[in-house]
């Protein structure tokens, strides 16, 4: 059926953890080594955009092809945008031009684009946390992206739910890995990063927490509970992450 078609893998379904690729290795005995993180900001979804000067950008069309990869999306930004407002306009026009009600093939395109927007949210959250040029205008773009993702979730619930479910399973596995690394003496924080926390916050704007057996909201609440129960607090950053997780969990349970 339609749901099965939307659940097929695509480039947009592969979300990265907090805008940073996590590479796990095994030694010759099969034991896991600590995850390697790429340099902060190396995830292309959150790189600093090189806006063109006013008057030098290519004239912005009203109709855009739907980008199928993060590279294609960022290329559109750098070709046509002179500001964060232009970035938001490009995203808005892509969504409107490829509305699922306009053509049957748009559903698959928007399913893939939905995944790209989630990657962009995570990457901007990470960029905002570490600061630098990539964080400029992040708040304004994140506000726009949140509304866009919520709107697309309502259009594509059958395709969006499996994508969020896969992301939550990835986060649970990553949390277990961080906890094991900490038990072996690793110094890295066990708590979710800024991009992950932003996506969890967005998740509860997209899905109802009132249904205790919801395929997306319920696993998210369980993940937050596991973080609060098992992640050690070893610094101010951990305390902030823990407070944020507690607030999300309390909000979800209250509903």
C-alpha atoms as a PDB file:
ATOM      1  CA  UNK A   1       0.000   0.000   0.000  1.00  0.00           C
ATOM      2  CA  UNK A   2       0.884   3.664   0.222  1.00  0.00           C
ATOM      3  CA  UNK A   3       2.514   3.303   3.632  1.00  0.00           C
ATOM      4  CA  UNK A   4       4.746   0.470   2.450  1.00  0.00           C
ATOM      5  CA  UNK A   5       5.848   2.515  -0.556  1.00  0.00           C
ATOM      6  CA  UNK A   6       6.784   5.460   1.653  1.00  0.00           C
ATOM      7  CA  UNK A   7       8.745   3.259   4.053  1.00  0.00           C
ATOM      8  CA  UNK A   8      11.314   2.375   1.430  1.00  0.00           C
ATOM      9  CA  UNK A   9      14.810   3.671   2.104  1.00  0.00           C
ATOM     10  CA  UNK A  10      15.998   6.881   0.518  1.00  0.00           C
ATOM     11  CA  UNK A  11      18.829   9.306   0.980  1.00  0.00           C
ATOM     12  CA  UNK A  12      16.635  11.487   3.166  1.00  0.00           C
ATOM     13  CA  UNK A  13      16.013   8.611   5.608  1.00  0.00           C
ATOM     14  CA  UNK A  14      19.617   8.494   6.754  1.00  0.00           C
ATOM     15  CA  UNK A  15      19.768  10.933   9.629  1.00  0.00           C
ATOM     16  CA  UNK A  16      23.051  11.705  11.319  1.00  0.00           C
ATOM     17  CA  UNK A  17      23.522  12.025  15.028  1.00  0.00           C
ATOM     18  CA  UNK A  18      23.503  15.691  16.025  1.00  0.00           C
ATOM     19  CA  UNK A  19      24.859  16.750  12.654  1.00  0.00           C
ATOM     20  CA  UNK A  20      27.985  14.617  13.151  1.00  0.00           C
ATOM     21  CA  UNK A  21      28.583  11.266  11.516  1.00  0.00           C
ATOM     22  CA  UNK A  22      29.302   8.564  14.055  1.00  0.00           C
ATOM     23  CA  UNK A  23      31.701   5.897  12.869  1.00  0.00           C
ATOM     24  CA  UNK A  24      31.981   2.794  15.012  1.00  0.00           C
ATOM     25  CA  UNK A  25      34.893   0.442  14.593  1.00  0.00           C
ATOM     26  CA  UNK A  26      35.675  -3.016  15.884  1.00  0.00           C
ATOM     27  CA  UNK A  27      39.108  -4.330  16.702  1.00  0.00           C
ATOM     28  CA  UNK A  28      40.375  -7.697  15.537  1.00  0.00           C
ATOM     29  CA  UNK A  29      38.699  -9.451  18.482  1.00  0.00           C
ATOM     30  CA  UNK A  30      35.332  -7.991  17.585  1.00  0.00           C
ATOM     31  CA  UNK A  31      35.272  -5.502  20.474  1.00  0.00           C
ATOM     32  CA  UNK A  32      33.872  -2.077  19.839  1.00  0.00           C
ATOM     33  CA  UNK A  33      36.152   0.914  19.874  1.00  0.00           C
ATOM     34  CA  UNK A  34      34.905   4.343  20.944  1.00  0.00           C
ATOM     35  CA  UNK A  35      32.996   6.153  18.228  1.00  0.00           C
ATOM     36  CA  UNK A  36      34.951   8.633  16.181  1.00  0.00           C
ATOM     37  CA  UNK A  37      33.445  12.052  15.674  1.00  0.00           C
ATOM     38  CA  UNK A  38      34.254  14.118  12.666  1.00  0.00           C
ATOM     39  CA  UNK A  39      35.358  17.657  13.228  1.00  0.00           C
ATOM     40  CA  UNK A  40      32.560  19.853  14.542  1.00  0.00           C
ATOM     41  CA  UNK A  41      30.599  21.350  11.685  1.00  0.00           C
ATOM     42  CA  UNK A  42      31.953  18.884   9.131  1.00  0.00           C
ATOM     43  CA  UNK A  43      28.469  17.507   8.488  1.00  0.00           C
ATOM     44  CA  UNK A  44      27.479  19.242   5.274  1.00  0.00           C
ATOM     45  CA  UNK A  45      23.946  19.832   6.515  1.00  0.00           C
ATOM     46  CA  UNK A  46      25.242  22.398   8.991  1.00  0.00           C
ATOM     47  CA  UNK A  47      28.161  23.974   7.175  1.00  0.00           C
ATOM     48  CA  UNK A  48      28.459  27.750   7.072  1.00  0.00           C
ATOM     49  CA  UNK A  49      26.605  28.989   4.018  1.00  0.00           C
ATOM     50  CA  UNK A  50      28.402  31.430   1.778  1.00  0.00           C
ATOM     51  CA  UNK A  51      25.625  33.884   1.022  1.00  0.00           C
ATOM     52  CA  UNK A  52      26.007  35.928  -2.125  1.00  0.00           C
ATOM     53  CA  UNK A  53      26.104  39.690  -1.875  1.00  0.00           C
ATOM     54  CA  UNK A  54      22.821  41.436  -2.723  1.00  0.00           C
ATOM     55  CA  UNK A  55      22.590  41.830  -6.485  1.00  0.00           C
ATOM     56  CA  UNK A  56      25.043  39.008  -7.223  1.00  0.00           C
ATOM     57  CA  UNK A  57      22.831  35.990  -6.568  1.00  0.00           C
ATOM     58  CA  UNK A  58      21.143  34.185  -9.438  1.00  0.00           C
ATOM     59  CA  UNK A  59      17.541  35.352  -9.748  1.00  0.00           C
ATOM     60  CA  UNK A  60      15.414  33.196  -7.508  1.00  0.00           C
ATOM     61  CA  UNK A  61      12.908  31.123  -9.501  1.00  0.00           C
ATOM     62  CA  UNK A  62       9.409  30.441  -8.255  1.00  0.00           C
ATOM     63  CA  UNK A  63       9.673  26.754  -9.146  1.00  0.00           C
ATOM     64  CA  UNK A  64      12.544  24.602  -7.877  1.00  0.00           C
ATOM     65  CA  UNK A  65      13.370  20.988  -8.598  1.00  0.00           C
ATOM     66  CA  UNK A  66      13.084  19.010  -5.387  1.00  0.00           C
ATOM     67  CA  UNK A  67      16.634  18.328  -4.130  1.00  0.00           C
ATOM     68  CA  UNK A  68      17.355  14.667  -3.494  1.00  0.00           C
ATOM     69  CA  UNK A  69      20.473  15.121  -1.351  1.00  0.00           C
ATOM     70  CA  UNK A  70      21.846  17.562   1.191  1.00  0.00           C
ATOM     71  CA  UNK A  71      24.486  18.652  -1.305  1.00  0.00           C
ATOM     72  CA  UNK A  72      21.802  19.624  -3.827  1.00  0.00           C
ATOM     73  CA  UNK A  73      19.870  21.561  -1.177  1.00  0.00           C
ATOM     74  CA  UNK A  74      22.930  23.493  -0.015  1.00  0.00           C
ATOM     75  CA  UNK A  75      23.847  24.232  -3.628  1.00  0.00           C
ATOM     76  CA  UNK A  76      20.452  25.891  -4.075  1.00  0.00           C
ATOM     77  CA  UNK A  77      21.033  27.999  -0.972  1.00  0.00           C
ATOM     78  CA  UNK A  78      24.449  29.153  -2.095  1.00  0.00           C
ATOM     79  CA  UNK A  79      23.306  29.853  -5.654  1.00  0.00           C
ATOM     80  CA  UNK A  80      20.176  31.868  -4.885  1.00  0.00           C
ATOM     81  CA  UNK A  81      20.291  33.075  -1.270  1.00  0.00           C
ATOM     82  CA  UNK A  82      21.694  36.333   0.040  1.00  0.00           C
ATOM     83  CA  UNK A  83      20.208  35.913   3.544  1.00  0.00           C
ATOM     84  CA  UNK A  84      18.547  33.472   5.922  1.00  0.00           C
ATOM     85  CA  UNK A  85      15.203  34.828   4.737  1.00  0.00           C
ATOM     86  CA  UNK A  86      16.073  33.664   1.213  1.00  0.00           C
ATOM     87  CA  UNK A  87      16.924  30.207   2.561  1.00  0.00           C
ATOM     88  CA  UNK A  88      13.481  30.007   4.156  1.00  0.00           C
ATOM     89  CA  UNK A  89      11.860  31.194   0.920  1.00  0.00           C
ATOM     90  CA  UNK A  90      13.621  28.468  -1.079  1.00  0.00           C
ATOM     91  CA  UNK A  91      12.454  25.758   1.323  1.00  0.00           C
ATOM     92  CA  UNK A  92       8.908  27.142   1.297  1.00  0.00           C
ATOM     93  CA  UNK A  93       8.760  27.200  -2.511  1.00  0.00           C
ATOM     94  CA  UNK A  94      10.074  23.638  -2.763  1.00  0.00           C
ATOM     95  CA  UNK A  95       7.356  22.431  -0.389  1.00  0.00           C
ATOM     96  CA  UNK A  96       4.609  24.319  -2.236  1.00  0.00           C
ATOM     97  CA  UNK A  97       5.770  23.358  -5.737  1.00  0.00           C
ATOM     98  CA  UNK A  98       5.918  19.677  -4.837  1.00  0.00           C
ATOM     99  CA  UNK A  99       2.816  19.449  -2.657  1.00  0.00           C
ATOM    100  CA  UNK A 100       1.617  15.863  -2.448  1.00  0.00           C
ATOM    101  CA  UNK A 101      -1.822  16.900  -3.751  1.00  0.00           C
ATOM    102  CA  UNK A 102      -0.399  18.212  -7.031  1.00  0.00           C
ATOM    103  CA  UNK A 103       1.071  14.976  -8.400  1.00  0.00           C
ATOM    104  CA  UNK A 104       1.345  11.345  -7.364  1.00  0.00           C
ATOM    105  CA  UNK A 105       5.130  11.358  -7.620  1.00  0.00           C
ATOM    106  CA  UNK A 106       5.460  14.252  -5.191  1.00  0.00           C
ATOM    107  CA  UNK A 107       4.805  12.021  -2.196  1.00  0.00           C
ATOM    108  CA  UNK A 108       8.112  10.204  -2.622  1.00  0.00           C
ATOM    109  CA  UNK A 109       9.939  13.489  -3.263  1.00  0.00           C
ATOM    110  CA  UNK A 110       8.518  15.097  -0.124  1.00  0.00           C
ATOM    111  CA  UNK A 111       9.259  12.008   1.936  1.00  0.00           C
ATOM    112  CA  UNK A 112      12.905  12.330   0.958  1.00  0.00           C
ATOM    113  CA  UNK A 113      12.883  16.120   1.446  1.00  0.00           C
ATOM    114  CA  UNK A 114      11.379  15.647   4.911  1.00  0.00           C
ATOM    115  CA  UNK A 115      14.451  13.638   5.880  1.00  0.00           C
ATOM    116  CA  UNK A 116      16.713  16.392   4.556  1.00  0.00           C
ATOM    117  CA  UNK A 117      14.905  18.973   6.688  1.00  0.00           C
ATOM    118  CA  UNK A 118      15.389  16.863   9.815  1.00  0.00           C
ATOM    119  CA  UNK A 119      19.084  16.566   9.022  1.00  0.00           C
ATOM    120  CA  UNK A 120      19.231  20.325   8.575  1.00  0.00           C
ATOM    121  CA  UNK A 121      17.580  20.874  11.983  1.00  0.00           C
ATOM    122  CA  UNK A 122      20.065  18.561  13.698  1.00  0.00           C
ATOM    123  CA  UNK A 123      23.045  20.132  11.967  1.00  0.00           C
ATOM    124  CA  UNK A 124      21.929  23.688  12.764  1.00  0.00           C
ATOM    125  CA  UNK A 125      21.381  22.706  16.383  1.00  0.00           C
ATOM    126  CA  UNK A 126      24.928  21.444  16.591  1.00  0.00           C
ATOM    127  CA  UNK A 127      26.299  24.521  14.802  1.00  0.00           C
ATOM    128  CA  UNK A 128      24.388  26.791  17.173  1.00  0.00           C
ATOM    129  CA  UNK A 129      25.869  24.996  20.182  1.00  0.00           C
ATOM    130  CA  UNK A 130      29.490  25.273  19.033  1.00  0.00           C
ATOM    131  CA  UNK A 131      29.102  28.803  17.655  1.00  0.00           C
ATOM    132  CA  UNK A 132      31.079  30.248  14.767  1.00  0.00           C
ATOM    133  CA  UNK A 133      29.988  31.427  11.342  1.00  0.00           C
ATOM    134  CA  UNK A 134      27.762  28.402  10.718  1.00  0.00           C
ATOM    135  CA  UNK A 135      25.538  29.458  13.634  1.00  0.00           C
ATOM    136  CA  UNK A 136      24.668  32.880  12.192  1.00  0.00           C
ATOM    137  CA  UNK A 137      20.941  33.134  11.594  1.00  0.00           C
ATOM    138  CA  UNK A 138      20.396  29.608  12.939  1.00  0.00           C
ATOM    139  CA  UNK A 139      17.583  30.632  15.304  1.00  0.00           C
ATOM    140  CA  UNK A 140      15.531  32.239  12.538  1.00  0.00           C
ATOM    141  CA  UNK A 141      16.002  29.287  10.198  1.00  0.00           C
ATOM    142  CA  UNK A 142      15.231  26.786  12.957  1.00  0.00           C
ATOM    143  CA  UNK A 143      11.965  28.573  13.750  1.00  0.00           C
ATOM    144  CA  UNK A 144      10.965  28.323  10.101  1.00  0.00           C
ATOM    145  CA  UNK A 145      12.084  24.695   9.772  1.00  0.00           C
ATOM    146  CA  UNK A 146      10.055  23.684  12.818  1.00  0.00           C
ATOM    147  CA  UNK A 147       6.860  24.949  11.213  1.00  0.00           C
ATOM    148  CA  UNK A 148       7.739  23.347   7.883  1.00  0.00           C
ATOM    149  CA  UNK A 149       8.415  19.948   9.472  1.00  0.00           C
ATOM    150  CA  UNK A 150       5.177  20.037  11.488  1.00  0.00           C
ATOM    151  CA  UNK A 151       3.229  20.893   8.334  1.00  0.00           C
ATOM    152  CA  UNK A 152       4.838  18.111   6.306  1.00  0.00           C
ATOM    153  CA  UNK A 153       4.223  15.623   9.118  1.00  0.00           C
ATOM    154  CA  UNK A 154       0.498  16.290   8.776  1.00  0.00           C
ATOM    155  CA  UNK A 155       0.722  15.752   5.012  1.00  0.00           C
ATOM    156  CA  UNK A 156       2.883  12.610   5.225  1.00  0.00           C
ATOM    157  CA  UNK A 157       2.099  10.826   8.509  1.00  0.00           C
ATOM    158  CA  UNK A 158       2.519   7.347   7.024  1.00  0.00           C
ATOM    159  CA  UNK A 159       5.971   8.192   5.666  1.00  0.00           C
ATOM    160  CA  UNK A 160       7.166  10.418   8.508  1.00  0.00           C
ATOM    161  CA  UNK A 161       6.436   7.976  11.345  1.00  0.00           C
ATOM    162  CA  UNK A 162       8.795   5.194  10.151  1.00  0.00           C
ATOM    163  CA  UNK A 163      11.538   7.763   9.562  1.00  0.00           C
ATOM    164  CA  UNK A 164      11.243   9.076  13.128  1.00  0.00           C
ATOM    165  CA  UNK A 165      11.113   5.492  14.391  1.00  0.00           C
ATOM    166  CA  UNK A 166      14.388   4.646  12.673  1.00  0.00           C
ATOM    167  CA  UNK A 167      15.982   7.793  14.053  1.00  0.00           C
ATOM    168  CA  UNK A 168      14.890   6.920  17.600  1.00  0.00           C
ATOM    169  CA  UNK A 169      16.348   3.422  17.282  1.00  0.00           C
ATOM    170  CA  UNK A 170      19.625   4.953  16.092  1.00  0.00           C
ATOM    171  CA  UNK A 171      19.646   7.278  19.104  1.00  0.00           C
ATOM    172  CA  UNK A 172      18.984   4.431  21.523  1.00  0.00           C
ATOM    173  CA  UNK A 173      21.875   2.438  20.073  1.00  0.00           C
ATOM    174  CA  UNK A 174      24.125   5.506  20.181  1.00  0.00           C
ATOM    175  CA  UNK A 175      23.165   6.129  23.816  1.00  0.00           C
ATOM    176  CA  UNK A 176      24.058   2.555  24.722  1.00  0.00           C
ATOM    177  CA  UNK A 177      27.418   2.967  22.990  1.00  0.00           C
ATOM    178  CA  UNK A 178      28.168   6.190  24.880  1.00  0.00           C
ATOM    179  CA  UNK A 179      27.260   4.565  28.184  1.00  0.00           C
ATOM    180  CA  UNK A 180      29.551   1.605  27.473  1.00  0.00           C
ATOM    181  CA  UNK A 181      32.378   3.948  26.494  1.00  0.00           C
ATOM    182  CA  UNK A 182      31.888   5.892  29.734  1.00  0.00           C
ATOM    183  CA  UNK A 183      32.017   2.684  31.765  1.00  0.00           C
ATOM    184  CA  UNK A 184      35.375   1.922  30.121  1.00  0.00           C
ATOM    185  CA  UNK A 185      36.763   5.307  31.132  1.00  0.00           C
ATOM    186  CA  UNK A 186      35.716   7.443  28.179  1.00  0.00           C
ATOM    187  CA  UNK A 187      35.552  11.171  28.836  1.00  0.00           C
ATOM    188  CA  UNK A 188      32.833  12.074  26.327  1.00  0.00           C
ATOM    189  CA  UNK A 189      29.407  13.083  27.587  1.00  0.00           C
ATOM    190  CA  UNK A 190      26.728  10.405  27.563  1.00  0.00           C
ATOM    191  CA  UNK A 191      23.915  12.898  27.074  1.00  0.00           C
ATOM    192  CA  UNK A 192      22.304  13.672  23.710  1.00  0.00           C
ATOM    193  CA  UNK A 193      23.854  16.557  21.816  1.00  0.00           C
ATOM    194  CA  UNK A 194      22.196  19.843  20.927  1.00  0.00           C
ATOM    195  CA  UNK A 195      20.956  18.630  17.547  1.00  0.00           C
ATOM    196  CA  UNK A 196      19.400  15.522  19.048  1.00  0.00           C
ATOM    197  CA  UNK A 197      17.696  17.529  21.773  1.00  0.00           C
ATOM    198  CA  UNK A 198      16.231  19.909  19.203  1.00  0.00           C
ATOM    199  CA  UNK A 199      14.857  17.000  17.190  1.00  0.00           C
ATOM    200  CA  UNK A 200      13.328  15.483  20.322  1.00  0.00           C
ATOM    201  CA  UNK A 201      11.686  18.823  21.067  1.00  0.00           C
ATOM    202  CA  UNK A 202      10.386  18.967  17.505  1.00  0.00           C
ATOM    203  CA  UNK A 203       9.172  15.376  17.712  1.00  0.00           C
ATOM    204  CA  UNK A 204       6.638  16.260  20.391  1.00  0.00           C
ATOM    205  CA  UNK A 205       5.357  19.087  18.205  1.00  0.00           C
ATOM    206  CA  UNK A 206       4.702  16.577  15.427  1.00  0.00           C
ATOM    207  CA  UNK A 207       3.290  13.615  17.341  1.00  0.00           C
ATOM    208  CA  UNK A 208       0.826  13.365  20.264  1.00  0.00           C
ATOM    209  CA  UNK A 209       2.221  12.203  23.593  1.00  0.00           C
ATOM    210  CA  UNK A 210      -1.283  11.420  24.877  1.00  0.00           C
ATOM    211  CA  UNK A 211      -1.282   8.021  23.138  1.00  0.00           C
ATOM    212  CA  UNK A 212       0.813   5.796  25.417  1.00  0.00           C
ATOM    213  CA  UNK A 213       1.277   3.255  22.638  1.00  0.00           C
ATOM    214  CA  UNK A 214       2.164   5.696  19.894  1.00  0.00           C
ATOM    215  CA  UNK A 215       4.876   4.313  17.527  1.00  0.00           C
ATOM    216  CA  UNK A 216       6.870   7.576  17.710  1.00  0.00           C
ATOM    217  CA  UNK A 217       6.005   9.472  20.903  1.00  0.00           C
ATOM    218  CA  UNK A 218       6.200   6.468  23.231  1.00  0.00           C
ATOM    219  CA  UNK A 219       9.737   5.376  22.193  1.00  0.00           C
ATOM    220  CA  UNK A 220      10.822   9.018  22.502  1.00  0.00           C
ATOM    221  CA  UNK A 221       9.534   9.179  26.089  1.00  0.00           C
ATOM    222  CA  UNK A 222      11.325   5.921  26.891  1.00  0.00           C
ATOM    223  CA  UNK A 223      14.569   7.271  25.418  1.00  0.00           C
ATOM    224  CA  UNK A 224      14.307  10.398  27.567  1.00  0.00           C
ATOM    225  CA  UNK A 225      13.651   8.264  30.631  1.00  0.00           C
ATOM    226  CA  UNK A 226      16.699   6.123  29.906  1.00  0.00           C
ATOM    227  CA  UNK A 227      18.863   9.231  29.546  1.00  0.00           C
ATOM    228  CA  UNK A 228      17.689  10.590  32.893  1.00  0.00           C
ATOM    229  CA  UNK A 229      18.114   7.238  34.632  1.00  0.00           C
ATOM    230  CA  UNK A 230      21.520   6.231  33.274  1.00  0.00           C
ATOM    231  CA  UNK A 231      23.490   9.243  32.010  1.00  0.00           C
ATOM    232  CA  UNK A 232      25.960  10.632  34.587  1.00  0.00           C
ATOM    233  CA  UNK A 233      26.151  14.387  35.178  1.00  0.00           C
ATOM    234  CA  UNK A 234      29.814  15.415  35.112  1.00  0.00           C
ATOM    235  CA  UNK A 235      29.632  19.078  34.164  1.00  0.00           C
ATOM    236  CA  UNK A 236      27.466  22.094  33.457  1.00  0.00           C
ATOM    237  CA  UNK A 237      26.742  20.931  29.915  1.00  0.00           C
ATOM    238  CA  UNK A 238      25.442  17.600  31.205  1.00  0.00           C
ATOM    239  CA  UNK A 239      23.299  19.395  33.771  1.00  0.00           C
ATOM    240  CA  UNK A 240      21.780  21.562  31.044  1.00  0.00           C
ATOM    241  CA  UNK A 241      21.078  18.549  28.829  1.00  0.00           C
ATOM    242  CA  UNK A 242      19.550  16.676  31.748  1.00  0.00           C
ATOM    243  CA  UNK A 243      17.307  19.594  32.648  1.00  0.00           C
ATOM    244  CA  UNK A 244      16.144  19.841  29.044  1.00  0.00           C
ATOM    245  CA  UNK A 245      15.400  16.099  28.916  1.00  0.00           C
ATOM    246  CA  UNK A 246      13.504  16.285  32.204  1.00  0.00           C
ATOM    247  CA  UNK A 247      11.407  19.183  30.915  1.00  0.00           C
ATOM    248  CA  UNK A 248      10.563  17.290  27.717  1.00  0.00           C
ATOM    249  CA  UNK A 249       9.635  14.161  29.656  1.00  0.00           C
ATOM    250  CA  UNK A 250       7.481  16.098  32.123  1.00  0.00           C
ATOM    251  CA  UNK A 251       5.725  17.879  29.269  1.00  0.00           C
ATOM    252  CA  UNK A 252       5.102  14.623  27.443  1.00  0.00           C
ATOM    253  CA  UNK A 253       3.814  12.799  30.504  1.00  0.00           C
ATOM    254  CA  UNK A 254       1.613  15.733  31.515  1.00  0.00           C
ATOM    255  CA  UNK A 255      -0.221  15.536  28.211  1.00  0.00           C
END
